[in-house]
């Protein structure tokens, strides 16, 4: 695995906390190549994401979402990495996305996830 420069984005969720910019977790499952696309999309890396949901029956693990999402990669993510992404109008708030016709943007590479005080994901394992 190559060394990457990462920005650590701590996310702490409590029952009364509401994010202004909704963020989601996903596993990168692959890449999407489109040789013909909107001029604002030229040069942008597209990745195929599978959302990851904390399992409500066993919150010590994730369960995969049923859908896949194509997202613009703004952080240099790769296949099999856990990432944070945002959708909708929030996606266009990411750097250099204002004029791009995007609905989903990867905004972070996840190092670890803790739920109820237990680590359920670590990029190191």
Protein backbone atom coordinates (compact mmCIF):
# COMPACT_ATOMS: atom_id res chain seq x y z
CA UNK A 1 0.00 0.00 0.00
CA UNK A 2 1.38 3.42 -0.94
CA UNK A 3 1.77 6.20 1.61
CA UNK A 4 -0.96 8.82 1.44
CA UNK A 5 -1.37 12.27 2.84
CA UNK A 6 -4.59 12.28 4.83
CA UNK A 7 -6.70 14.86 6.54
CA UNK A 8 -8.15 13.47 9.76
CA UNK A 9 -11.76 14.46 10.22
CA UNK A 10 -13.09 13.44 13.63
CA UNK A 11 -16.82 12.77 13.64
CA UNK A 12 -18.58 12.33 16.97
CA UNK A 13 -22.28 11.58 16.84
CA UNK A 14 -24.45 12.02 19.90
CA UNK A 15 -28.26 11.71 20.13
CA UNK A 16 -28.83 15.50 20.03
CA UNK A 17 -26.15 16.35 17.46
CA UNK A 18 -27.18 17.19 13.92
CA UNK A 19 -24.69 17.75 11.11
CA UNK A 20 -25.38 20.66 8.78
CA UNK A 21 -23.66 18.76 5.99
CA UNK A 22 -24.80 15.14 5.98
CA UNK A 23 -21.92 12.69 5.64
CA UNK A 24 -22.09 8.98 4.98
CA UNK A 25 -19.66 6.05 5.15
CA UNK A 26 -18.96 3.78 2.19
CA UNK A 27 -16.52 1.18 0.93
CA UNK A 28 -14.87 1.88 -2.42
CA UNK A 29 -15.76 -1.07 -4.68
CA UNK A 30 -14.31 0.09 -7.98
CA UNK A 31 -13.68 2.85 -10.49
CA UNK A 32 -15.88 4.31 -13.21
CA UNK A 33 -14.38 5.50 -16.50
CA UNK A 34 -16.30 7.81 -18.81
CA UNK A 35 -14.31 9.12 -21.77
CA UNK A 36 -17.13 11.42 -22.90
CA UNK A 37 -18.57 13.61 -20.16
CA UNK A 38 -19.55 17.12 -19.17
CA UNK A 39 -16.68 19.58 -19.59
CA UNK A 40 -16.71 20.30 -15.82
CA UNK A 41 -16.07 16.60 -15.13
CA UNK A 42 -12.91 16.27 -17.26
CA UNK A 43 -9.97 15.12 -15.15
CA UNK A 44 -12.08 14.03 -12.19
CA UNK A 45 -11.63 10.51 -10.77
CA UNK A 46 -14.93 8.64 -10.36
CA UNK A 47 -15.28 5.80 -7.85
CA UNK A 48 -18.04 3.29 -7.22
CA UNK A 49 -19.16 3.28 -3.58
CA UNK A 50 -21.20 0.83 -1.48
CA UNK A 51 -22.70 2.65 1.55
CA UNK A 52 -21.92 1.04 4.93
CA UNK A 53 -24.56 1.12 7.66
CA UNK A 54 -24.09 0.27 11.32
CA UNK A 55 -26.06 -2.96 11.75
CA UNK A 56 -29.04 -2.22 14.01
CA UNK A 57 -29.12 -5.83 15.24
CA UNK A 58 -25.37 -5.96 15.93
CA UNK A 59 -23.84 -2.47 16.22
CA UNK A 60 -20.34 -3.97 16.42
CA UNK A 61 -20.32 -4.38 12.64
CA UNK A 62 -21.39 -2.77 9.41
CA UNK A 63 -23.89 -4.07 6.90
CA UNK A 64 -23.60 -3.07 3.26
CA UNK A 65 -26.25 -0.87 1.68
CA UNK A 66 -28.27 -2.25 -1.23
CA UNK A 67 -27.36 0.53 -3.66
CA UNK A 68 -24.13 1.71 -5.23
CA UNK A 69 -23.18 5.34 -5.80
CA UNK A 70 -20.82 6.96 -8.28
CA UNK A 71 -18.86 9.71 -6.51
CA UNK A 72 -16.14 12.17 -7.47
CA UNK A 73 -12.95 11.47 -5.50
CA UNK A 74 -11.53 14.67 -4.00
CA UNK A 75 -9.06 13.01 -1.58
CA UNK A 76 -7.18 10.27 -3.48
CA UNK A 77 -9.11 7.24 -2.22
CA UNK A 78 -8.62 3.75 -3.59
CA UNK A 79 -10.45 0.45 -3.96
CA UNK A 80 -11.29 -1.33 -0.65
CA UNK A 81 -10.88 1.84 1.43
CA UNK A 82 -13.58 3.13 3.78
CA UNK A 83 -14.48 6.72 2.90
CA UNK A 84 -16.76 9.53 3.98
CA UNK A 85 -18.91 11.08 1.28
CA UNK A 86 -21.57 13.72 1.02
CA UNK A 87 -24.45 14.07 -1.43
CA UNK A 88 -26.74 16.66 -2.93
CA UNK A 89 -26.09 20.38 -2.63
CA UNK A 90 -23.48 19.63 0.07
CA UNK A 91 -21.38 17.81 -2.55
CA UNK A 92 -20.97 21.03 -4.51
CA UNK A 93 -19.50 22.71 -1.41
CA UNK A 94 -16.36 20.57 -1.73
CA UNK A 95 -13.35 22.39 -3.25
CA UNK A 96 -13.59 23.00 -7.01
CA UNK A 97 -17.06 21.43 -7.28
CA UNK A 98 -19.24 24.54 -7.50
CA UNK A 99 -19.79 24.31 -11.28
CA UNK A 100 -19.55 20.53 -11.58
CA UNK A 101 -22.76 18.53 -12.10
CA UNK A 102 -22.10 16.19 -9.16
CA UNK A 103 -24.38 14.63 -6.59
CA UNK A 104 -21.78 12.73 -4.52
CA UNK A 105 -18.21 13.62 -3.50
CA UNK A 106 -15.72 11.66 -1.39
CA UNK A 107 -14.52 14.07 1.31
CA UNK A 108 -12.39 11.86 3.57
CA UNK A 109 -10.60 8.53 3.97
CA UNK A 110 -11.63 6.86 7.22
CA UNK A 111 -8.99 5.69 9.68
CA UNK A 112 -11.33 4.26 12.31
CA UNK A 113 -14.97 4.15 13.42
CA UNK A 114 -16.11 3.84 17.04
CA UNK A 115 -19.72 3.00 17.95
CA UNK A 116 -20.86 3.06 21.57
CA UNK A 117 -17.23 3.19 22.71
CA UNK A 118 -16.16 0.16 20.62
CA UNK A 119 -14.00 0.33 17.54
CA UNK A 120 -15.85 -1.42 14.71
CA UNK A 121 -13.52 -0.41 11.89
CA UNK A 122 -9.83 0.29 11.61
CA UNK A 123 -7.92 0.91 8.39
CA UNK A 124 -4.90 -0.69 10.03
CA UNK A 125 -6.44 -4.15 10.42
